[in-house]
Amino acid sequence: MRDIQKQVCMFFLAVLAGGAIGIGGCVYLSLENKAAGALMFTVGLYAICVQGLNLYTGKVGYLVNRHLGYCLDLAVIWAGNLAGTFLAAAGMQSARISSISEKAAAICEIKLNDNYLSLFLLGIFCGFLMFVAVDGYQLSKNPIILFMGVAAFILCGFEHCIADMFYFSMAQMWSGKAFLCILIITLGNSVGGILIPLAKKLQG
């Protein structure tokens, strides 16, 4: 019973994290200046870190030092993030800010027209930066590292699976191919996220 309660709580915190990323994505889509939008997107990640919410890309890097049961936790968090981004997008589509869906659609087209290797590699780069940002914040409590990490991955065009969930939901462009793209990006984010912890573990 405790395990079920734990998973439900974990899922709920992941839904909230997905919603926070949706808010960050909304800010990014609402600003014409890409650099300013990239910087302000971090509002979502900052809220997640401060409030202790569950974001897949902020948790997957710690898989290296956890037990196999952590894989189930990550699956629950991923599903919760998906639900949260979907709900955030649905709410925004019903409000007067629904016009940002056109910008989201343009972003989604780029992803759908890209090749899978590119999505995977861009996911690795993003996952690496996300671990550096989140772990760095946990160690220093300095939010600057969050803003720098998020702004860097957005301006570089790297792929973040949870942010992309929001874009596909906001653009209402979900399809089998879109879901496959998300899975590939998730794999890339996962590989990128565990690189530093794995290197440290091998180092002893």
N, C-alpha and C. Protein backbone atom coordinates (compact mmCIF):
# COMPACT_ATOMS: atom_id res chain seq x y z
N MET A 1 0.84 -1.21 0.00
CA MET A 1 0.00 0.00 0.00
C MET A 1 0.87 1.26 0.00
N ARG A 2 1.95 1.21 0.79
CA ARG A 2 2.85 2.36 0.85
C ARG A 2 3.51 2.61 -0.50
N ASP A 3 3.84 1.49 -1.19
CA ASP A 3 4.47 1.63 -2.50
C ASP A 3 3.53 2.30 -3.49
N ILE A 4 2.26 1.92 -3.45
CA ILE A 4 1.27 2.53 -4.34
C ILE A 4 1.12 4.01 -4.02
N GLN A 5 1.03 4.32 -2.74
CA GLN A 5 0.91 5.72 -2.32
C GLN A 5 2.13 6.53 -2.76
N LYS A 6 3.30 5.92 -2.65
CA LYS A 6 4.53 6.58 -3.07
C LYS A 6 4.51 6.87 -4.57
N GLN A 7 4.06 5.88 -5.37
CA GLN A 7 4.02 6.06 -6.81
C GLN A 7 3.00 7.12 -7.22
N VAL A 8 1.86 7.13 -6.53
CA VAL A 8 0.83 8.14 -6.83
C VAL A 8 1.35 9.53 -6.54
N CYS A 9 2.01 9.69 -5.40
CA CYS A 9 2.59 10.99 -5.03
C CYS A 9 3.67 11.39 -6.03
N MET A 10 4.49 10.43 -6.42
CA MET A 10 5.55 10.68 -7.39
C MET A 10 4.96 11.14 -8.72
N PHE A 11 3.88 10.47 -9.14
CA PHE A 11 3.20 10.82 -10.39
C PHE A 11 2.63 12.23 -10.33
N PHE A 12 1.99 12.55 -9.20
CA PHE A 12 1.38 13.88 -9.05
C PHE A 12 2.44 14.98 -9.11
N LEU A 13 3.57 14.76 -8.44
CA LEU A 13 4.65 15.75 -8.49
C LEU A 13 5.25 15.86 -9.89
N ALA A 14 5.18 14.77 -10.64
CA ALA A 14 5.65 14.79 -12.02
C ALA A 14 4.68 15.54 -12.93
N VAL A 15 3.39 15.39 -12.65
CA VAL A 15 2.38 16.15 -13.41
C VAL A 15 2.60 17.65 -13.20
N LEU A 16 2.84 18.03 -11.96
CA LEU A 16 3.10 19.44 -11.66
C LEU A 16 4.37 19.93 -12.36
N ALA A 17 5.38 19.07 -12.42
CA ALA A 17 6.61 19.44 -13.11
C ALA A 17 6.36 19.62 -14.60
N GLY A 18 5.54 18.75 -15.18
CA GLY A 18 5.18 18.90 -16.58
C GLY A 18 4.44 20.21 -16.82
N GLY A 19 3.57 20.57 -15.89
CA GLY A 19 2.88 21.85 -15.99
C GLY A 19 3.83 23.02 -15.91
N ALA A 20 4.85 22.91 -15.04
CA ALA A 20 5.84 23.97 -14.91
C ALA A 20 6.64 24.14 -16.20
N ILE A 21 6.98 23.03 -16.83
CA ILE A 21 7.68 23.10 -18.11
C ILE A 21 6.76 23.72 -19.16
N GLY A 22 5.48 23.41 -19.08
CA GLY A 22 4.51 24.02 -19.99
C GLY A 22 4.47 25.53 -19.84
N ILE A 23 4.54 26.01 -18.61
CA ILE A 23 4.56 27.46 -18.37
C ILE A 23 5.83 28.06 -18.94
N GLY A 24 6.96 27.38 -18.73
CA GLY A 24 8.21 27.85 -19.31
C GLY A 24 8.14 27.89 -20.83
N GLY A 25 7.53 26.86 -21.41
CA GLY A 25 7.37 26.83 -22.86
C GLY A 25 6.47 27.93 -23.36
N CYS A 26 5.44 28.25 -22.59
CA CYS A 26 4.53 29.34 -22.96
C CYS A 26 5.26 30.67 -22.98
N VAL A 27 6.11 30.90 -21.98
CA VAL A 27 6.90 32.13 -21.95
C VAL A 27 7.80 32.21 -23.18
N TYR A 28 8.46 31.10 -23.49
CA TYR A 28 9.36 31.06 -24.64
C TYR A 28 8.62 31.37 -25.94
N LEU A 29 7.45 30.76 -26.12
CA LEU A 29 6.68 30.97 -27.35
C LEU A 29 6.07 32.36 -27.42
N SER A 30 5.90 33.01 -26.29
CA SER A 30 5.25 34.32 -26.25
C SER A 30 6.19 35.47 -26.55
N LEU A 31 7.50 35.23 -26.45
CA LEU A 31 8.48 36.30 -26.67
C LEU A 31 9.08 36.23 -28.07
N GLU A 32 9.21 37.38 -28.70
CA GLU A 32 9.79 37.44 -30.04
C GLU A 32 11.30 37.27 -29.98
N ASN A 33 11.91 37.78 -28.92
CA ASN A 33 13.36 37.68 -28.77
C ASN A 33 13.72 36.28 -28.27
N LYS A 34 14.42 35.52 -29.12
CA LYS A 34 14.73 34.13 -28.79
C LYS A 34 15.61 34.01 -27.56
N ALA A 35 16.59 34.89 -27.43
CA ALA A 35 17.49 34.83 -26.28
C ALA A 35 16.74 35.09 -24.98
N ALA A 36 15.87 36.09 -25.01
CA ALA A 36 15.07 36.40 -23.81
C ALA A 36 14.13 35.25 -23.49
N GLY A 37 13.54 34.67 -24.54
CA GLY A 37 12.64 33.54 -24.34
C GLY A 37 13.35 32.34 -23.75
N ALA A 38 14.57 32.09 -24.25
CA ALA A 38 15.36 30.96 -23.75
C ALA A 38 15.70 31.15 -22.27
N LEU A 39 16.02 32.37 -21.92
CA LEU A 39 16.37 32.67 -20.53
C LEU A 39 15.16 32.53 -19.61
N MET A 40 14.02 33.05 -20.07
CA MET A 40 12.82 33.02 -19.24
C MET A 40 12.17 31.64 -19.17
N PHE A 41 12.49 30.77 -20.12
CA PHE A 41 11.99 29.39 -20.07
C PHE A 41 12.38 28.74 -18.75
N THR A 42 13.51 29.20 -18.20
CA THR A 42 14.06 28.60 -16.98
C THR A 42 13.13 28.76 -15.79
N VAL A 43 12.15 29.65 -15.88
CA VAL A 43 11.18 29.81 -14.79
C VAL A 43 10.58 28.45 -14.41
N GLY A 44 10.32 27.64 -15.45
CA GLY A 44 9.75 26.32 -15.21
C GLY A 44 10.68 25.42 -14.42
N LEU A 45 11.94 25.33 -14.85
CA LEU A 45 12.90 24.46 -14.16
C LEU A 45 13.22 24.98 -12.76
N TYR A 46 13.27 26.29 -12.61
CA TYR A 46 13.54 26.88 -11.29
C TYR A 46 12.43 26.50 -10.31
N ALA A 47 11.19 26.59 -10.77
CA ALA A 47 10.05 26.21 -9.92
C ALA A 47 10.14 24.74 -9.52
N ILE A 48 10.54 23.91 -10.47
CA ILE A 48 10.67 22.47 -10.21
C ILE A 48 11.72 22.19 -9.14
N CYS A 49 12.87 22.82 -9.28
CA CYS A 49 13.97 22.59 -8.33
C CYS A 49 13.65 23.13 -6.94
N VAL A 50 13.07 24.31 -6.89
CA VAL A 50 12.76 24.94 -5.60
C VAL A 50 11.67 24.17 -4.85
N GLN A 51 10.67 23.70 -5.60
CA GLN A 51 9.53 23.03 -4.96
C GLN A 51 9.70 21.51 -4.86
N GLY A 52 10.80 20.98 -5.37
CA GLY A 52 11.03 19.54 -5.26
C GLY A 52 10.11 18.70 -6.12
N LEU A 53 9.77 19.20 -7.30
CA LEU A 53 8.91 18.45 -8.22
C LEU A 53 9.74 17.43 -9.00
N ASN A 54 9.06 16.53 -9.69
CA ASN A 54 9.74 15.43 -10.38
C ASN A 54 9.80 15.65 -11.89
N LEU A 55 10.97 15.97 -12.39
CA LEU A 55 11.19 16.13 -13.82
C LEU A 55 12.12 15.02 -14.30
N TYR A 56 11.71 14.32 -15.35
CA TYR A 56 12.48 13.17 -15.83
C TYR A 56 13.93 13.53 -16.11
N THR A 57 14.15 14.61 -16.84
CA THR A 57 15.52 14.96 -17.23
C THR A 57 16.36 15.45 -16.05
N GLY A 58 15.71 15.76 -14.96
CA GLY A 58 16.45 16.16 -13.76
C GLY A 58 16.73 14.98 -12.84
N LYS A 59 16.09 13.84 -13.13
CA LYS A 59 16.22 12.65 -12.27
C LYS A 59 17.01 11.52 -12.90
N VAL A 60 16.99 11.42 -14.24
CA VAL A 60 17.55 10.24 -14.91
C VAL A 60 19.05 10.09 -14.69
N GLY A 61 19.77 11.19 -14.51
CA GLY A 61 21.22 11.12 -14.32
C GLY A 61 21.62 10.34 -13.08
N TYR A 62 20.72 10.26 -12.09
CA TYR A 62 21.04 9.59 -10.84
C TYR A 62 20.78 8.08 -10.90
N LEU A 63 20.36 7.61 -12.07
CA LEU A 63 20.10 6.18 -12.27
C LEU A 63 21.35 5.34 -12.01
N VAL A 64 22.50 5.88 -12.35
CA VAL A 64 23.77 5.16 -12.21
C VAL A 64 24.01 4.68 -10.79
N ASN A 65 23.59 5.46 -9.82
CA ASN A 65 23.87 5.13 -8.41
C ASN A 65 22.64 4.63 -7.66
N ARG A 66 21.61 4.23 -8.41
CA ARG A 66 20.39 3.75 -7.76
C ARG A 66 20.14 2.27 -8.09
N HIS A 67 19.17 1.68 -7.42
CA HIS A 67 18.79 0.29 -7.67
C HIS A 67 17.90 0.21 -8.90
N LEU A 68 17.65 -1.01 -9.37
CA LEU A 68 16.87 -1.20 -10.59
C LEU A 68 15.44 -0.67 -10.46
N GLY A 69 14.92 -0.67 -9.23
CA GLY A 69 13.58 -0.15 -9.01
C GLY A 69 13.43 1.31 -9.39
N TYR A 70 14.55 2.00 -9.47
CA TYR A 70 14.53 3.42 -9.85
C TYR A 70 14.05 3.59 -11.29
N CYS A 71 14.22 2.53 -12.10
CA CYS A 71 13.75 2.58 -13.49
C CYS A 71 12.23 2.74 -13.53
N LEU A 72 11.54 2.06 -12.61
CA LEU A 72 10.09 2.20 -12.51
C LEU A 72 9.73 3.61 -12.10
N ASP A 73 10.47 4.16 -11.16
CA ASP A 73 10.23 5.54 -10.73
C ASP A 73 10.36 6.49 -11.92
N LEU A 74 11.38 6.28 -12.73
CA LEU A 74 11.60 7.14 -13.90
C LEU A 74 10.46 7.02 -14.90
N ALA A 75 9.94 5.80 -15.07
CA ALA A 75 8.82 5.60 -15.99
C ALA A 75 7.57 6.34 -15.49
N VAL A 76 7.34 6.28 -14.19
CA VAL A 76 6.20 6.98 -13.59
C VAL A 76 6.36 8.49 -13.76
N ILE A 77 7.56 8.98 -13.53
CA ILE A 77 7.84 10.41 -13.67
C ILE A 77 7.67 10.86 -15.11
N TRP A 78 8.16 10.06 -16.06
CA TRP A 78 8.03 10.39 -17.48
C TRP A 78 6.56 10.50 -17.87
N ALA A 79 5.76 9.52 -17.42
CA ALA A 79 4.33 9.53 -17.73
C ALA A 79 3.64 10.73 -17.08
N GLY A 80 4.04 11.05 -15.87
CA GLY A 80 3.47 12.22 -15.20
C GLY A 80 3.83 13.51 -15.90
N ASN A 81 5.06 13.62 -16.35
CA ASN A 81 5.49 14.80 -17.11
C ASN A 81 4.68 14.95 -18.39
N LEU A 82 4.43 13.82 -19.06
CA LEU A 82 3.62 13.83 -20.29
C LEU A 82 2.21 14.33 -19.99
N ALA A 83 1.62 13.82 -18.92
CA ALA A 83 0.27 14.25 -18.54
C ALA A 83 0.26 15.73 -18.18
N GLY A 84 1.27 16.18 -17.47
CA GLY A 84 1.33 17.58 -17.05
C GLY A 84 1.47 18.54 -18.22
N THR A 85 2.32 18.19 -19.18
CA THR A 85 2.48 19.06 -20.35
C THR A 85 1.21 19.09 -21.18
N PHE A 86 0.54 17.93 -21.26
CA PHE A 86 -0.71 17.86 -22.01
C PHE A 86 -1.79 18.72 -21.37
N LEU A 87 -1.91 18.63 -20.06
CA LEU A 87 -2.92 19.42 -19.34
C LEU A 87 -2.62 20.92 -19.43
N ALA A 88 -1.34 21.27 -19.33
CA ALA A 88 -0.96 22.68 -19.44
C ALA A 88 -1.32 23.22 -20.82
N ALA A 89 -1.00 22.44 -21.85
CA ALA A 89 -1.31 22.86 -23.22
C ALA A 89 -2.81 22.96 -23.44
N ALA A 90 -3.57 22.01 -22.91
CA ALA A 90 -5.02 22.03 -23.06
C ALA A 90 -5.62 23.28 -22.42
N GLY A 91 -5.10 23.64 -21.25
CA GLY A 91 -5.58 24.84 -20.59
C GLY A 91 -5.27 26.10 -21.37
N MET A 92 -4.07 26.16 -21.93
CA MET A 92 -3.67 27.34 -22.70
C MET A 92 -4.44 27.45 -24.01
N GLN A 93 -4.77 26.30 -24.61
CA GLN A 93 -5.55 26.32 -25.84
C GLN A 93 -6.96 26.84 -25.62
N SER A 94 -7.43 26.72 -24.39
CA SER A 94 -8.78 27.18 -24.06
C SER A 94 -8.81 28.63 -23.62
N ALA A 95 -7.64 29.24 -23.52
CA ALA A 95 -7.54 30.63 -23.08
C ALA A 95 -7.17 31.54 -24.25
N ARG A 96 -7.05 32.82 -23.98
CA ARG A 96 -6.79 33.78 -25.04
C ARG A 96 -5.36 33.72 -25.58
N ILE A 97 -4.51 32.94 -24.95
CA ILE A 97 -3.12 32.84 -25.41
C ILE A 97 -2.93 31.67 -26.37
N SER A 98 -4.03 31.14 -26.89
CA SER A 98 -3.95 29.97 -27.77
C SER A 98 -3.18 30.24 -29.06
N SER A 99 -2.95 31.51 -29.38
CA SER A 99 -2.24 31.85 -30.63
C SER A 99 -0.81 31.33 -30.65
N ILE A 100 -0.25 31.02 -29.49
CA ILE A 100 1.13 30.52 -29.46
C ILE A 100 1.22 29.13 -30.07
N SER A 101 0.07 28.50 -30.31
CA SER A 101 0.07 27.16 -30.90
C SER A 101 0.69 27.16 -32.30
N GLU A 102 0.60 28.29 -33.00
CA GLU A 102 1.19 28.38 -34.34
C GLU A 102 2.71 28.30 -34.26
N LYS A 103 3.29 28.96 -33.26
CA LYS A 103 4.74 28.88 -33.08
C LYS A 103 5.16 27.48 -32.66
N ALA A 104 4.33 26.87 -31.83
CA ALA A 104 4.62 25.50 -31.40
C ALA A 104 4.60 24.55 -32.60
N ALA A 105 3.66 24.78 -33.51
CA ALA A 105 3.56 23.93 -34.70
C ALA A 105 4.81 24.04 -35.57
N ALA A 106 5.34 25.26 -35.69
CA ALA A 106 6.55 25.46 -36.49
C ALA A 106 7.73 24.71 -35.87
N ILE A 107 7.81 24.72 -34.55
CA ILE A 107 8.88 24.00 -33.85
C ILE A 107 8.73 22.49 -34.06
N CYS A 108 7.50 22.02 -33.99
CA CYS A 108 7.24 20.58 -34.16
C CYS A 108 7.57 20.11 -35.57
N GLU A 109 7.31 20.94 -36.55
CA GLU A 109 7.63 20.58 -37.94
C GLU A 109 9.12 20.32 -38.10
N ILE A 110 9.93 21.13 -37.45
CA ILE A 110 11.39 20.96 -37.52
C ILE A 110 11.78 19.60 -36.96
N LYS A 111 11.17 19.22 -35.87
CA LYS A 111 11.49 17.93 -35.23
C LYS A 111 11.03 16.76 -36.09
N LEU A 112 9.84 16.87 -36.65
CA LEU A 112 9.29 15.79 -37.46
C LEU A 112 10.05 15.61 -38.77
N ASN A 113 10.66 16.68 -39.26
CA ASN A 113 11.42 16.61 -40.51
C ASN A 113 12.89 16.27 -40.30
N ASP A 114 13.29 16.17 -39.04
CA ASP A 114 14.68 15.83 -38.72
C ASP A 114 14.85 14.31 -38.79
N ASN A 115 16.10 13.85 -38.85
CA ASN A 115 16.33 12.40 -38.82
C ASN A 115 16.54 11.94 -37.38
N TYR A 116 16.35 10.66 -37.16
CA TYR A 116 16.36 10.13 -35.80
C TYR A 116 17.73 10.22 -35.14
N LEU A 117 18.79 10.05 -35.90
CA LEU A 117 20.13 10.17 -35.33
C LEU A 117 20.36 11.58 -34.81
N SER A 118 19.92 12.56 -35.57
CA SER A 118 20.07 13.96 -35.17
C SER A 118 19.31 14.22 -33.87
N LEU A 119 18.08 13.74 -33.79
CA LEU A 119 17.28 13.93 -32.58
C LEU A 119 17.94 13.28 -31.38
N PHE A 120 18.50 12.09 -31.60
CA PHE A 120 19.17 11.37 -30.52
C PHE A 120 20.40 12.13 -30.02
N LEU A 121 21.21 12.60 -30.95
CA LEU A 121 22.43 13.33 -30.58
C LEU A 121 22.10 14.65 -29.89
N LEU A 122 21.11 15.37 -30.43
CA LEU A 122 20.70 16.63 -29.80
C LEU A 122 20.11 16.38 -28.41
N GLY A 123 19.49 15.22 -28.24
CA GLY A 123 18.98 14.84 -26.93
C GLY A 123 20.10 14.57 -25.94
N ILE A 124 21.19 13.96 -26.41
CA ILE A 124 22.34 13.71 -25.54
C ILE A 124 22.92 15.02 -25.03
N PHE A 125 23.12 15.96 -25.94
CA PHE A 125 23.69 17.26 -25.53
C PHE A 125 22.81 17.94 -24.49
N CYS A 126 21.50 17.89 -24.72
CA CYS A 126 20.57 18.52 -23.78
C CYS A 126 20.59 17.81 -22.43
N GLY A 127 20.59 16.48 -22.46
CA GLY A 127 20.62 15.71 -21.22
C GLY A 127 21.85 16.01 -20.39
N PHE A 128 22.99 16.17 -21.07
CA PHE A 128 24.24 16.51 -20.40
C PHE A 128 24.11 17.85 -19.69
N LEU A 129 23.61 18.85 -20.41
CA LEU A 129 23.45 20.19 -19.84
C LEU A 129 22.44 20.20 -18.69
N MET A 130 21.38 19.43 -18.84
CA MET A 130 20.36 19.39 -17.79
C MET A 130 20.92 18.81 -16.50
N PHE A 131 21.73 17.76 -16.62
CA PHE A 131 22.32 17.20 -15.40
C PHE A 131 23.26 18.22 -14.75
N VAL A 132 24.08 18.86 -15.57
CA VAL A 132 25.01 19.86 -15.04
C VAL A 132 24.24 20.97 -14.31
N ALA A 133 23.13 21.40 -14.92
CA ALA A 133 22.34 22.49 -14.34
C ALA A 133 21.67 22.07 -13.03
N VAL A 134 20.95 20.95 -13.07
CA VAL A 134 20.19 20.51 -11.90
C VAL A 134 21.11 20.08 -10.76
N ASP A 135 22.12 19.27 -11.08
CA ASP A 135 23.04 18.82 -10.04
C ASP A 135 23.84 19.99 -9.48
N GLY A 136 24.22 20.90 -10.37
CA GLY A 136 24.95 22.09 -9.93
C GLY A 136 24.13 22.94 -8.98
N TYR A 137 22.82 23.05 -9.28
CA TYR A 137 21.94 23.81 -8.39
C TYR A 137 21.79 23.11 -7.04
N GLN A 138 21.65 21.78 -7.07
CA GLN A 138 21.51 21.04 -5.82
C GLN A 138 22.73 21.22 -4.92
N LEU A 139 23.90 21.34 -5.53
CA LEU A 139 25.13 21.49 -4.76
C LEU A 139 25.37 22.92 -4.28
N SER A 140 25.02 23.88 -5.13
CA SER A 140 25.36 25.28 -4.82
C SER A 140 24.17 26.14 -4.41
N LYS A 141 22.96 25.70 -4.78
CA LYS A 141 21.73 26.49 -4.56
C LYS A 141 21.79 27.84 -5.28
N ASN A 142 22.61 27.91 -6.30
CA ASN A 142 22.74 29.13 -7.10
C ASN A 142 21.89 28.98 -8.36
N PRO A 143 20.81 29.77 -8.50
CA PRO A 143 19.92 29.61 -9.66
C PRO A 143 20.55 30.00 -10.99
N ILE A 144 21.66 30.71 -10.96
CA ILE A 144 22.29 31.15 -12.21
C ILE A 144 22.63 29.96 -13.09
N ILE A 145 23.08 28.88 -12.48
CA ILE A 145 23.46 27.71 -13.26
C ILE A 145 22.26 27.11 -13.99
N LEU A 146 21.07 27.23 -13.40
CA LEU A 146 19.86 26.76 -14.07
C LEU A 146 19.56 27.61 -15.30
N PHE A 147 19.63 28.93 -15.12
CA PHE A 147 19.34 29.84 -16.23
C PHE A 147 20.34 29.67 -17.36
N MET A 148 21.61 29.47 -17.02
CA MET A 148 22.63 29.30 -18.04
C MET A 148 22.45 27.98 -18.79
N GLY A 149 22.17 26.91 -18.05
CA GLY A 149 22.01 25.60 -18.67
C GLY A 149 20.82 25.53 -19.61
N VAL A 150 19.68 26.03 -19.17
CA VAL A 150 18.47 26.00 -19.99
C VAL A 150 18.60 26.91 -21.20
N ALA A 151 19.10 28.12 -20.99
CA ALA A 151 19.28 29.05 -22.10
C ALA A 151 20.23 28.47 -23.14
N ALA A 152 21.27 27.79 -22.68
CA ALA A 152 22.25 27.20 -23.60
C ALA A 152 21.62 26.12 -24.46
N PHE A 153 20.85 25.21 -23.86
CA PHE A 153 20.30 24.12 -24.68
C PHE A 153 19.24 24.62 -25.66
N ILE A 154 18.50 25.64 -25.29
CA ILE A 154 17.49 26.18 -26.20
C ILE A 154 18.15 26.93 -27.36
N LEU A 155 19.10 27.79 -27.05
CA LEU A 155 19.76 28.57 -28.09
C LEU A 155 20.57 27.69 -29.04
N CYS A 156 21.07 26.57 -28.53
CA CYS A 156 21.83 25.63 -29.37
C CYS A 156 20.92 24.74 -30.21
N GLY A 157 19.64 24.70 -29.88
CA GLY A 157 18.72 23.85 -30.61
C GLY A 157 18.72 22.41 -30.15
N PHE A 158 19.21 22.16 -28.93
CA PHE A 158 19.20 20.80 -28.39
C PHE A 158 17.77 20.38 -28.05
N GLU A 159 17.56 19.07 -27.93
CA GLU A 159 16.21 18.53 -27.75
C GLU A 159 15.94 18.08 -26.31
N HIS A 160 14.87 18.59 -25.74
CA HIS A 160 14.44 18.25 -24.37
C HIS A 160 13.09 17.54 -24.47
N CYS A 161 13.04 16.27 -24.07
CA CYS A 161 11.84 15.47 -24.31
C CYS A 161 10.58 16.04 -23.66
N ILE A 162 10.70 16.60 -22.48
CA ILE A 162 9.50 17.10 -21.79
C ILE A 162 9.02 18.41 -22.41
N ALA A 163 9.95 19.29 -22.75
CA ALA A 163 9.58 20.52 -23.45
C ALA A 163 8.92 20.18 -24.79
N ASP A 164 9.46 19.16 -25.47
CA ASP A 164 8.89 18.76 -26.76
C ASP A 164 7.50 18.16 -26.61
N MET A 165 7.26 17.48 -25.49
CA MET A 165 5.90 16.99 -25.21
C MET A 165 4.92 18.15 -25.19
N PHE A 166 5.34 19.24 -24.56
CA PHE A 166 4.47 20.42 -24.48
C PHE A 166 4.23 21.01 -25.86
N TYR A 167 5.30 21.13 -26.67
CA TYR A 167 5.15 21.71 -28.00
C TYR A 167 4.19 20.88 -28.86
N PHE A 168 4.33 19.55 -28.83
CA PHE A 168 3.44 18.70 -29.61
C PHE A 168 2.00 18.80 -29.11
N SER A 169 1.83 18.91 -27.80
CA SER A 169 0.49 19.05 -27.24
C SER A 169 -0.12 20.40 -27.59
N MET A 170 0.70 21.45 -27.50
CA MET A 170 0.22 22.80 -27.80
C MET A 170 -0.14 22.93 -29.27
N ALA A 171 0.62 22.27 -30.13
CA ALA A 171 0.37 22.35 -31.57
C ALA A 171 -0.69 21.35 -32.02
N GLN A 172 -1.09 20.46 -31.11
CA GLN A 172 -2.04 19.37 -31.42
C GLN A 172 -1.53 18.56 -32.62
N MET A 173 -0.27 18.18 -32.54
CA MET A 173 0.37 17.47 -33.65
C MET A 173 0.87 16.08 -33.23
N TRP A 174 0.21 15.49 -32.24
CA TRP A 174 0.61 14.15 -31.84
C TRP A 174 0.29 13.13 -32.92
N SER A 175 1.22 12.22 -33.15
CA SER A 175 1.06 11.14 -34.12
C SER A 175 2.01 10.03 -33.72
N GLY A 176 1.96 8.92 -34.44
CA GLY A 176 2.90 7.85 -34.15
C GLY A 176 4.33 8.29 -34.32
N LYS A 177 4.58 9.08 -35.36
CA LYS A 177 5.94 9.57 -35.61
C LYS A 177 6.36 10.54 -34.52
N ALA A 178 5.45 11.40 -34.10
CA ALA A 178 5.77 12.37 -33.04
C ALA A 178 6.14 11.63 -31.75
N PHE A 179 5.38 10.59 -31.42
CA PHE A 179 5.66 9.82 -30.21
C PHE A 179 7.01 9.12 -30.30
N LEU A 180 7.32 8.60 -31.50
CA LEU A 180 8.62 7.96 -31.70
C LEU A 180 9.75 8.97 -31.53
N CYS A 181 9.55 10.17 -32.05
CA CYS A 181 10.55 11.24 -31.88
C CYS A 181 10.79 11.52 -30.40
N ILE A 182 9.70 11.57 -29.63
CA ILE A 182 9.82 11.82 -28.19
C ILE A 182 10.60 10.70 -27.51
N LEU A 183 10.34 9.47 -27.90
CA LEU A 183 11.04 8.33 -27.30
C LEU A 183 12.54 8.38 -27.62
N ILE A 184 12.87 8.74 -28.85
CA ILE A 184 14.28 8.83 -29.25
C ILE A 184 14.97 9.96 -28.50
N ILE A 185 14.29 11.09 -28.38
CA ILE A 185 14.86 12.22 -27.64
C ILE A 185 15.01 11.86 -26.16
N THR A 186 14.03 11.13 -25.63
CA THR A 186 14.12 10.67 -24.24
C THR A 186 15.35 9.80 -24.03
N LEU A 187 15.60 8.90 -24.99
CA LEU A 187 16.79 8.05 -24.91
C LEU A 187 18.05 8.89 -24.94
N GLY A 188 18.07 9.89 -25.82
CA GLY A 188 19.23 10.79 -25.90
C GLY A 188 19.43 11.56 -24.61
N ASN A 189 18.34 12.10 -24.06
CA ASN A 189 18.42 12.82 -22.78
C ASN A 189 18.94 11.91 -21.67
N SER A 190 18.53 10.65 -21.71
CA SER A 190 18.95 9.69 -20.68
C SER A 190 20.44 9.40 -20.78
N VAL A 191 20.92 9.18 -22.00
CA VAL A 191 22.35 8.93 -22.21
C VAL A 191 23.17 10.13 -21.77
N GLY A 192 22.74 11.31 -22.20
CA GLY A 192 23.46 12.53 -21.82
C GLY A 192 23.45 12.78 -20.33
N GLY A 193 22.34 12.44 -19.69
CA GLY A 193 22.20 12.69 -18.26
C GLY A 193 23.07 11.81 -17.39
N ILE A 194 23.38 10.60 -17.86
CA ILE A 194 24.16 9.68 -17.01
C ILE A 194 25.66 9.75 -17.28
N LEU A 195 26.08 10.53 -18.27
CA LEU A 195 27.50 10.55 -18.63
C LEU A 195 28.41 10.94 -17.47
N ILE A 196 28.11 12.04 -16.82
CA ILE A 196 28.97 12.50 -15.71
C ILE A 196 28.91 11.55 -14.52
N PRO A 197 27.71 11.14 -14.06
CA PRO A 197 27.67 10.19 -12.94
C PRO A 197 28.39 8.88 -13.26
N LEU A 198 28.27 8.41 -14.51
CA LEU A 198 28.93 7.17 -14.91
C LEU A 198 30.44 7.34 -14.89
N ALA A 199 30.91 8.47 -15.41
CA ALA A 199 32.35 8.73 -15.43
C ALA A 199 32.91 8.79 -14.01
N LYS A 200 32.16 9.41 -13.11
CA LYS A 200 32.61 9.51 -11.71
C LYS A 200 32.60 8.15 -11.02
N LYS A 201 31.61 7.33 -11.37
CA LYS A 201 31.53 6.00 -10.77
C LYS A 201 32.68 5.12 -11.25
N LEU A 202 33.00 5.21 -12.53
CA LEU A 202 34.10 4.43 -13.09
C LEU A 202 35.45 4.89 -12.52
N GLN A 203 35.51 6.19 -12.23
CA GLN A 203 36.73 6.75 -11.66
C GLN A 203 36.96 6.24 -10.24
N GLY A 204 35.86 5.91 -9.60
CA GLY A 204 35.96 5.40 -8.23
C GLY A 204 35.99 6.50 -7.24
